Amino acid sequence: MEDSSTIVLDRTDIKILRALQADGRLTNAELAARVNVSPATCHRRTQRLFEEGHITGVRAEIAPASVGLGAVVMVGVVLDRSTPESFAAFEAAVLEIKDVLDCNLVAGDFDYLLKIRVRDMADFNKLHGQKLIALPGVRQTRTFFVMKEVKDNARLHF
């Protein structure tokens, strides 16, 4: 796969990406009509966008509270060592925790910032006590309970 940073997307590619980001359920025929190309051309271009890594997946957006996951918690994590090995061990372990939606290596007061979704505070307390503090290399965590989600998983604007 070619490095996507060296690939130039043309106007039609951008239109396809924008349309799919707005509605990932579009059929190829609907998408082709929206971007004003033939269905065959649209299919070929869409496949290329997947192959080149511009589109990384298509999925439904689920209302979290409707499946019993109404609480969002942000956790800042400080590791005891800043080595490639300690980062790799932490990252491998956090990938195994299904409640962690996002894990980002950050600059600033923390090494990592985690976004976690759970049922409630008791559910988070259990997760924290059984899994988070047991992650490799964790020296300190700081927890922030989200009171209100103002903007979540917004679309990219390009």
N, C-alpha and C. Protein backbone atom coordinates (compact mmCIF):
# COMPACT_ATOMS: atom_id res chain seq x y z
N MET A 1 0.85 -1.19 0.00
CA MET A 1 0.00 0.00 0.00
C MET A 1 0.88 1.24 0.00
N GLU A 2 0.55 2.16 -0.85
CA GLU A 2 1.30 3.41 -0.97
C GLU A 2 0.98 4.32 0.21
N ASP A 3 1.94 5.14 0.59
CA ASP A 3 1.72 6.11 1.66
C ASP A 3 0.64 7.09 1.23
N SER A 4 -0.48 7.14 1.98
CA SER A 4 -1.61 7.97 1.59
C SER A 4 -1.28 9.46 1.60
N SER A 5 -0.21 9.87 2.29
CA SER A 5 0.13 11.28 2.31
C SER A 5 0.70 11.75 0.97
N THR A 6 1.15 10.81 0.10
CA THR A 6 1.69 11.19 -1.19
C THR A 6 0.65 11.08 -2.30
N ILE A 7 -0.52 10.59 -2.00
CA ILE A 7 -1.56 10.40 -3.00
C ILE A 7 -2.43 11.65 -3.05
N VAL A 8 -2.64 12.14 -4.26
CA VAL A 8 -3.48 13.32 -4.44
C VAL A 8 -4.89 12.85 -4.76
N LEU A 9 -5.83 13.31 -3.96
CA LEU A 9 -7.23 12.99 -4.21
C LEU A 9 -7.82 14.06 -5.12
N ASP A 10 -8.54 13.64 -6.14
CA ASP A 10 -9.17 14.63 -7.02
C ASP A 10 -10.56 14.99 -6.50
N ARG A 11 -11.23 15.86 -7.22
CA ARG A 11 -12.53 16.37 -6.79
C ARG A 11 -13.57 15.25 -6.63
N THR A 12 -13.54 14.27 -7.53
CA THR A 12 -14.49 13.15 -7.46
C THR A 12 -14.21 12.30 -6.23
N ASP A 13 -12.94 12.02 -5.95
CA ASP A 13 -12.59 11.27 -4.74
C ASP A 13 -13.12 11.97 -3.49
N ILE A 14 -12.91 13.28 -3.42
CA ILE A 14 -13.37 14.06 -2.27
C ILE A 14 -14.89 13.98 -2.15
N LYS A 15 -15.59 14.08 -3.28
CA LYS A 15 -17.05 13.99 -3.26
C LYS A 15 -17.50 12.62 -2.73
N ILE A 16 -16.83 11.57 -3.18
CA ILE A 16 -17.16 10.22 -2.70
C ILE A 16 -16.94 10.12 -1.20
N LEU A 17 -15.80 10.60 -0.72
CA LEU A 17 -15.49 10.53 0.71
C LEU A 17 -16.52 11.32 1.53
N ARG A 18 -16.85 12.51 1.08
CA ARG A 18 -17.83 13.33 1.80
C ARG A 18 -19.20 12.66 1.84
N ALA A 19 -19.63 12.12 0.70
CA ALA A 19 -20.94 11.47 0.63
C ALA A 19 -21.00 10.25 1.54
N LEU A 20 -19.96 9.44 1.52
CA LEU A 20 -19.95 8.23 2.37
C LEU A 20 -19.84 8.58 3.85
N GLN A 21 -19.11 9.63 4.16
CA GLN A 21 -19.01 10.04 5.56
C GLN A 21 -20.37 10.51 6.06
N ALA A 22 -21.13 11.17 5.22
CA ALA A 22 -22.46 11.65 5.60
C ALA A 22 -23.45 10.50 5.69
N ASP A 23 -23.32 9.50 4.81
CA ASP A 23 -24.25 8.37 4.80
C ASP A 23 -23.54 7.15 4.24
N GLY A 24 -23.03 6.33 5.12
CA GLY A 24 -22.31 5.13 4.73
C GLY A 24 -23.19 4.03 4.17
N ARG A 25 -24.50 4.23 4.20
CA ARG A 25 -25.43 3.22 3.69
C ARG A 25 -25.81 3.42 2.23
N LEU A 26 -25.25 4.43 1.60
CA LEU A 26 -25.57 4.67 0.20
C LEU A 26 -25.21 3.45 -0.64
N THR A 27 -26.09 3.10 -1.58
CA THR A 27 -25.72 2.06 -2.54
C THR A 27 -24.74 2.66 -3.52
N ASN A 28 -24.06 1.80 -4.26
CA ASN A 28 -23.12 2.30 -5.26
C ASN A 28 -23.85 3.15 -6.30
N ALA A 29 -25.05 2.76 -6.70
CA ALA A 29 -25.82 3.53 -7.68
C ALA A 29 -26.19 4.90 -7.12
N GLU A 30 -26.62 4.96 -5.86
CA GLU A 30 -26.95 6.25 -5.24
C GLU A 30 -25.72 7.14 -5.13
N LEU A 31 -24.61 6.54 -4.73
CA LEU A 31 -23.36 7.29 -4.59
C LEU A 31 -22.91 7.82 -5.96
N ALA A 32 -22.98 6.99 -6.97
CA ALA A 32 -22.58 7.40 -8.32
C ALA A 32 -23.42 8.59 -8.79
N ALA A 33 -24.72 8.53 -8.52
CA ALA A 33 -25.59 9.64 -8.92
C ALA A 33 -25.23 10.92 -8.17
N ARG A 34 -24.91 10.80 -6.89
CA ARG A 34 -24.56 11.99 -6.09
C ARG A 34 -23.28 12.66 -6.56
N VAL A 35 -22.33 11.85 -7.00
CA VAL A 35 -21.03 12.42 -7.39
C VAL A 35 -20.89 12.57 -8.91
N ASN A 36 -21.97 12.20 -9.61
CA ASN A 36 -22.07 12.41 -11.05
C ASN A 36 -21.01 11.63 -11.85
N VAL A 37 -20.90 10.33 -11.54
CA VAL A 37 -20.06 9.42 -12.33
C VAL A 37 -20.87 8.15 -12.59
N SER A 38 -20.38 7.30 -13.46
CA SER A 38 -21.07 6.04 -13.74
C SER A 38 -20.92 5.11 -12.54
N PRO A 39 -21.86 4.17 -12.36
CA PRO A 39 -21.72 3.21 -11.26
C PRO A 39 -20.41 2.42 -11.32
N ALA A 40 -19.96 2.05 -12.51
CA ALA A 40 -18.71 1.29 -12.63
C ALA A 40 -17.52 2.14 -12.17
N THR A 41 -17.49 3.39 -12.60
CA THR A 41 -16.41 4.29 -12.18
C THR A 41 -16.46 4.51 -10.67
N CYS A 42 -17.66 4.71 -10.15
CA CYS A 42 -17.82 4.93 -8.71
C CYS A 42 -17.33 3.73 -7.91
N HIS A 43 -17.71 2.54 -8.34
CA HIS A 43 -17.28 1.32 -7.64
C HIS A 43 -15.76 1.19 -7.67
N ARG A 44 -15.17 1.41 -8.83
CA ARG A 44 -13.70 1.31 -8.96
C ARG A 44 -13.01 2.33 -8.05
N ARG A 45 -13.50 3.56 -8.05
CA ARG A 45 -12.88 4.61 -7.23
C ARG A 45 -13.07 4.32 -5.73
N THR A 46 -14.25 3.87 -5.35
CA THR A 46 -14.51 3.56 -3.95
C THR A 46 -13.60 2.43 -3.48
N GLN A 47 -13.46 1.40 -4.29
CA GLN A 47 -12.56 0.30 -3.94
C GLN A 47 -11.13 0.80 -3.77
N ARG A 48 -10.70 1.69 -4.66
CA ARG A 48 -9.34 2.25 -4.56
C ARG A 48 -9.19 3.06 -3.27
N LEU A 49 -10.22 3.82 -2.91
CA LEU A 49 -10.16 4.60 -1.67
C LEU A 49 -10.02 3.69 -0.44
N PHE A 50 -10.68 2.53 -0.48
CA PHE A 50 -10.50 1.54 0.59
C PHE A 50 -9.08 0.99 0.56
N GLU A 51 -8.63 0.54 -0.61
CA GLU A 51 -7.32 -0.09 -0.74
C GLU A 51 -6.18 0.84 -0.34
N GLU A 52 -6.32 2.13 -0.64
CA GLU A 52 -5.27 3.10 -0.30
C GLU A 52 -5.36 3.58 1.15
N GLY A 53 -6.38 3.15 1.87
CA GLY A 53 -6.49 3.50 3.29
C GLY A 53 -7.18 4.81 3.58
N HIS A 54 -7.79 5.43 2.57
CA HIS A 54 -8.52 6.68 2.81
C HIS A 54 -9.83 6.40 3.55
N ILE A 55 -10.44 5.25 3.25
CA ILE A 55 -11.63 4.79 3.97
C ILE A 55 -11.18 3.59 4.78
N THR A 56 -11.32 3.68 6.09
CA THR A 56 -10.82 2.61 6.95
C THR A 56 -11.91 1.66 7.43
N GLY A 57 -13.17 2.00 7.16
CA GLY A 57 -14.26 1.12 7.55
C GLY A 57 -15.59 1.83 7.43
N VAL A 58 -16.65 1.06 7.52
CA VAL A 58 -18.01 1.59 7.48
C VAL A 58 -18.77 0.88 8.60
N ARG A 59 -19.45 1.67 9.43
CA ARG A 59 -20.17 1.06 10.54
C ARG A 59 -21.34 1.94 10.96
N ALA A 60 -22.26 1.32 11.69
CA ALA A 60 -23.41 2.06 12.21
C ALA A 60 -22.99 2.83 13.44
N GLU A 61 -23.59 4.00 13.63
CA GLU A 61 -23.38 4.78 14.84
C GLU A 61 -24.51 4.44 15.80
N ILE A 62 -24.17 3.82 16.91
CA ILE A 62 -25.14 3.34 17.88
C ILE A 62 -25.32 4.40 18.98
N ALA A 63 -26.56 4.64 19.37
CA ALA A 63 -26.84 5.54 20.49
C ALA A 63 -26.40 4.81 21.77
N PRO A 64 -25.33 5.26 22.44
CA PRO A 64 -24.76 4.53 23.58
C PRO A 64 -25.76 4.24 24.70
N ALA A 65 -26.58 5.21 25.06
CA ALA A 65 -27.52 5.00 26.16
C ALA A 65 -28.52 3.90 25.84
N SER A 66 -28.84 3.72 24.55
CA SER A 66 -29.83 2.71 24.17
C SER A 66 -29.31 1.29 24.38
N VAL A 67 -28.00 1.13 24.53
CA VAL A 67 -27.43 -0.19 24.81
C VAL A 67 -26.80 -0.23 26.20
N GLY A 68 -27.23 0.70 27.06
CA GLY A 68 -26.80 0.68 28.45
C GLY A 68 -25.41 1.21 28.72
N LEU A 69 -24.88 2.03 27.84
CA LEU A 69 -23.54 2.58 28.04
C LEU A 69 -23.61 4.10 28.06
N GLY A 70 -24.26 4.62 29.11
CA GLY A 70 -24.54 6.05 29.18
C GLY A 70 -23.46 6.92 29.78
N ALA A 71 -22.41 6.35 30.34
CA ALA A 71 -21.39 7.16 31.02
C ALA A 71 -20.09 7.19 30.22
N VAL A 72 -19.56 8.40 30.05
CA VAL A 72 -18.26 8.58 29.38
C VAL A 72 -17.27 9.05 30.43
N VAL A 73 -16.10 8.44 30.41
CA VAL A 73 -15.06 8.78 31.35
C VAL A 73 -13.76 9.00 30.57
N MET A 74 -13.09 10.10 30.87
CA MET A 74 -11.78 10.37 30.29
C MET A 74 -10.75 10.08 31.37
N VAL A 75 -9.71 9.36 31.02
CA VAL A 75 -8.68 9.00 31.99
C VAL A 75 -7.32 9.38 31.44
N GLY A 76 -6.63 10.24 32.18
CA GLY A 76 -5.25 10.57 31.87
C GLY A 76 -4.35 9.56 32.56
N VAL A 77 -3.40 9.03 31.82
CA VAL A 77 -2.51 7.99 32.35
C VAL A 77 -1.06 8.46 32.27
N VAL A 78 -0.35 8.33 33.37
CA VAL A 78 1.08 8.61 33.42
C VAL A 78 1.79 7.28 33.65
N LEU A 79 2.76 6.98 32.78
CA LEU A 79 3.53 5.74 32.95
C LEU A 79 4.75 6.00 33.81
N ASP A 80 5.27 4.94 34.42
CA ASP A 80 6.44 5.10 35.29
C ASP A 80 7.73 5.28 34.50
N ARG A 81 7.74 4.87 33.23
CA ARG A 81 8.93 5.05 32.39
C ARG A 81 8.50 5.50 31.01
N SER A 82 9.31 6.34 30.39
CA SER A 82 9.04 6.79 29.03
C SER A 82 10.01 6.12 28.07
N THR A 83 9.78 4.83 27.85
CA THR A 83 10.63 4.07 26.93
C THR A 83 9.74 3.45 25.86
N PRO A 84 10.31 3.17 24.71
CA PRO A 84 9.51 2.51 23.66
C PRO A 84 8.90 1.19 24.15
N GLU A 85 9.63 0.47 24.98
CA GLU A 85 9.12 -0.81 25.48
C GLU A 85 7.93 -0.62 26.42
N SER A 86 8.00 0.38 27.30
CA SER A 86 6.89 0.60 28.23
C SER A 86 5.66 1.11 27.48
N PHE A 87 5.87 1.96 26.47
CA PHE A 87 4.75 2.43 25.65
C PHE A 87 4.12 1.25 24.91
N ALA A 88 4.94 0.40 24.32
CA ALA A 88 4.43 -0.75 23.55
C ALA A 88 3.65 -1.70 24.45
N ALA A 89 4.16 -1.95 25.65
CA ALA A 89 3.46 -2.86 26.57
C ALA A 89 2.12 -2.28 26.99
N PHE A 90 2.09 -0.99 27.30
CA PHE A 90 0.84 -0.34 27.69
C PHE A 90 -0.16 -0.39 26.53
N GLU A 91 0.29 -0.02 25.35
CA GLU A 91 -0.60 0.03 24.18
C GLU A 91 -1.18 -1.35 23.86
N ALA A 92 -0.34 -2.37 23.93
CA ALA A 92 -0.83 -3.72 23.65
C ALA A 92 -1.90 -4.14 24.66
N ALA A 93 -1.68 -3.81 25.92
CA ALA A 93 -2.63 -4.19 26.96
C ALA A 93 -3.94 -3.41 26.84
N VAL A 94 -3.86 -2.11 26.52
CA VAL A 94 -5.08 -1.30 26.45
C VAL A 94 -5.94 -1.71 25.25
N LEU A 95 -5.31 -2.23 24.20
CA LEU A 95 -6.08 -2.71 23.05
C LEU A 95 -7.01 -3.86 23.41
N GLU A 96 -6.71 -4.54 24.49
CA GLU A 96 -7.52 -5.69 24.92
C GLU A 96 -8.72 -5.30 25.78
N ILE A 97 -8.82 -4.04 26.16
CA ILE A 97 -9.92 -3.61 27.03
C ILE A 97 -11.04 -3.03 26.17
N LYS A 98 -12.14 -3.75 26.06
CA LYS A 98 -13.23 -3.37 25.16
C LYS A 98 -13.90 -2.06 25.53
N ASP A 99 -13.86 -1.67 26.80
CA ASP A 99 -14.51 -0.44 27.24
C ASP A 99 -13.75 0.81 26.81
N VAL A 100 -12.49 0.67 26.44
CA VAL A 100 -11.69 1.81 26.01
C VAL A 100 -11.99 2.06 24.53
N LEU A 101 -12.63 3.21 24.26
CA LEU A 101 -12.99 3.56 22.89
C LEU A 101 -11.82 4.21 22.16
N ASP A 102 -11.08 5.07 22.85
CA ASP A 102 -9.96 5.78 22.25
C ASP A 102 -8.79 5.75 23.22
N CYS A 103 -7.60 5.61 22.66
CA CYS A 103 -6.37 5.70 23.44
C CYS A 103 -5.39 6.50 22.61
N ASN A 104 -4.97 7.64 23.16
CA ASN A 104 -4.08 8.53 22.42
C ASN A 104 -2.84 8.86 23.24
N LEU A 105 -1.67 8.73 22.60
CA LEU A 105 -0.42 9.20 23.18
C LEU A 105 -0.44 10.71 23.05
N VAL A 106 -0.25 11.41 24.16
CA VAL A 106 -0.39 12.87 24.14
C VAL A 106 0.84 13.55 24.74
N ALA A 107 0.98 14.82 24.43
CA ALA A 107 2.00 15.65 25.06
C ALA A 107 1.32 16.42 26.18
N GLY A 108 2.04 16.69 27.24
CA GLY A 108 1.46 17.45 28.34
C GLY A 108 1.57 16.70 29.65
N ASP A 109 0.54 16.83 30.48
CA ASP A 109 0.57 16.27 31.82
C ASP A 109 0.49 14.75 31.86
N PHE A 110 -0.05 14.14 30.81
CA PHE A 110 -0.22 12.68 30.77
C PHE A 110 0.58 12.10 29.62
N ASP A 111 0.81 10.79 29.70
CA ASP A 111 1.38 10.08 28.56
C ASP A 111 0.27 9.68 27.60
N TYR A 112 -0.86 9.23 28.16
CA TYR A 112 -1.98 8.77 27.35
C TYR A 112 -3.27 9.38 27.86
N LEU A 113 -4.22 9.55 26.95
CA LEU A 113 -5.56 9.97 27.31
C LEU A 113 -6.51 8.91 26.76
N LEU A 114 -7.30 8.34 27.65
CA LEU A 114 -8.25 7.28 27.29
C LEU A 114 -9.67 7.82 27.33
N LYS A 115 -10.47 7.40 26.37
CA LYS A 115 -11.90 7.67 26.39
C LYS A 115 -12.57 6.33 26.62
N ILE A 116 -13.37 6.27 27.68
CA ILE A 116 -13.98 5.01 28.11
C ILE A 116 -15.48 5.19 28.19
N ARG A 117 -16.22 4.18 27.79
CA ARG A 117 -17.68 4.23 27.90
C ARG A 117 -18.12 3.03 28.73
N VAL A 118 -18.90 3.33 29.78
CA VAL A 118 -19.39 2.30 30.71
C VAL A 118 -20.86 2.58 31.04
N ARG A 119 -21.46 1.66 31.80
CA ARG A 119 -22.86 1.85 32.20
C ARG A 119 -23.02 3.03 33.14
N ASP A 120 -22.17 3.06 34.19
CA ASP A 120 -22.32 4.06 35.24
C ASP A 120 -21.03 4.14 36.05
N MET A 121 -21.05 4.94 37.10
CA MET A 121 -19.87 5.14 37.92
C MET A 121 -19.42 3.83 38.59
N ALA A 122 -20.37 3.02 39.03
CA ALA A 122 -20.02 1.74 39.66
C ALA A 122 -19.32 0.83 38.65
N ASP A 123 -19.79 0.83 37.43
CA ASP A 123 -19.17 0.03 36.38
C ASP A 123 -17.74 0.51 36.12
N PHE A 124 -17.54 1.83 36.10
CA PHE A 124 -16.19 2.37 35.92
C PHE A 124 -15.30 2.00 37.10
N ASN A 125 -15.83 2.09 38.32
CA ASN A 125 -15.06 1.74 39.50
C ASN A 125 -14.53 0.31 39.41
N LYS A 126 -15.37 -0.59 38.95
CA LYS A 126 -14.96 -1.99 38.78
C LYS A 126 -13.87 -2.10 37.71
N LEU A 127 -14.07 -1.44 36.58
CA LEU A 127 -13.08 -1.46 35.51
C LEU A 127 -11.75 -0.88 35.99
N HIS A 128 -11.81 0.23 36.70
CA HIS A 128 -10.60 0.87 37.21
C HIS A 128 -9.85 -0.06 38.15
N GLY A 129 -10.57 -0.65 39.09
CA GLY A 129 -9.92 -1.50 40.08
C GLY A 129 -9.38 -2.81 39.53
N GLN A 130 -10.04 -3.35 38.51
CA GLN A 130 -9.63 -4.65 37.99
C GLN A 130 -8.68 -4.57 36.79
N LYS A 131 -8.83 -3.52 35.97
CA LYS A 131 -8.05 -3.50 34.74
C LYS A 131 -7.14 -2.28 34.56
N LEU A 132 -7.67 -1.09 34.80
CA LEU A 132 -6.88 0.10 34.48
C LEU A 132 -5.61 0.22 35.32
N ILE A 133 -5.75 0.07 36.62
CA ILE A 133 -4.55 0.22 37.46
C ILE A 133 -3.59 -0.95 37.31
N ALA A 134 -4.06 -2.04 36.69
CA ALA A 134 -3.20 -3.20 36.46
C ALA A 134 -2.49 -3.13 35.10
N LEU A 135 -2.78 -2.11 34.31
CA LEU A 135 -2.10 -1.99 33.03
C LEU A 135 -0.60 -1.83 33.25
N PRO A 136 0.22 -2.38 32.36
CA PRO A 136 1.67 -2.33 32.56
C PRO A 136 2.21 -0.92 32.59
N GLY A 137 3.03 -0.65 33.60
CA GLY A 137 3.75 0.61 33.69
C GLY A 137 2.97 1.80 34.20
N VAL A 138 1.72 1.61 34.61
CA VAL A 138 0.92 2.76 35.06
C VAL A 138 1.39 3.24 36.42
N ARG A 139 1.79 4.51 36.47
CA ARG A 139 2.19 5.12 37.74
C ARG A 139 1.03 5.90 38.34
N GLN A 140 0.26 6.57 37.48
CA GLN A 140 -0.80 7.44 37.99
C GLN A 140 -1.90 7.55 36.96
N THR A 141 -3.15 7.67 37.45
CA THR A 141 -4.27 7.98 36.57
C THR A 141 -5.03 9.16 37.15
N ARG A 142 -5.62 9.95 36.26
CA ARG A 142 -6.52 11.03 36.67
C ARG A 142 -7.80 10.85 35.88
N THR A 143 -8.91 10.81 36.59
CA THR A 143 -10.19 10.48 36.00
C THR A 143 -11.09 11.70 35.91
N PHE A 144 -11.75 11.83 34.76
CA PHE A 144 -12.69 12.92 34.52
C PHE A 144 -14.00 12.32 34.04
N PHE A 145 -15.07 12.48 34.80
CA PHE A 145 -16.38 12.00 34.39
C PHE A 145 -17.03 13.06 33.52
N VAL A 146 -17.45 12.67 32.34
CA VAL A 146 -18.06 13.60 31.40
C VAL A 146 -19.49 13.89 31.86
N MET A 147 -19.79 15.15 32.06
CA MET A 147 -21.11 15.56 32.52
C MET A 147 -22.08 15.70 31.35
N LYS A 148 -21.54 16.15 30.20
CA LYS A 148 -22.39 16.36 29.03
C LYS A 148 -21.51 16.25 27.78
N GLU A 149 -21.95 15.46 26.83
CA GLU A 149 -21.23 15.35 25.56
C GLU A 149 -21.76 16.44 24.63
N VAL A 150 -20.96 17.44 24.41
CA VAL A 150 -21.36 18.56 23.58
C VAL A 150 -21.15 18.23 22.10
N LYS A 151 -20.04 17.58 21.78
CA LYS A 151 -19.73 17.20 20.40
C LYS A 151 -18.95 15.89 20.46
N ASP A 152 -19.43 14.89 19.76
CA ASP A 152 -18.80 13.58 19.84
C ASP A 152 -18.69 12.97 18.44
N ASN A 153 -17.52 12.49 18.12
CA ASN A 153 -17.30 11.77 16.86
C ASN A 153 -17.77 12.56 15.65
N ALA A 154 -17.41 13.81 15.63
CA ALA A 154 -17.82 14.69 14.53
C ALA A 154 -17.21 14.24 13.21
N ARG A 155 -17.86 14.60 12.14
CA ARG A 155 -17.35 14.30 10.80
C ARG A 155 -16.14 15.18 10.50
N LEU A 156 -15.25 14.66 9.68
CA LEU A 156 -14.11 15.43 9.21
C LEU A 156 -14.59 16.45 8.19
N HIS A 157 -14.01 17.63 8.21
CA HIS A 157 -14.35 18.65 7.23
C HIS A 157 -13.12 18.90 6.36
N PHE A 158 -13.25 18.55 5.11
CA PHE A 158 -12.14 18.68 4.17
C PHE A 158 -12.64 19.13 2.82
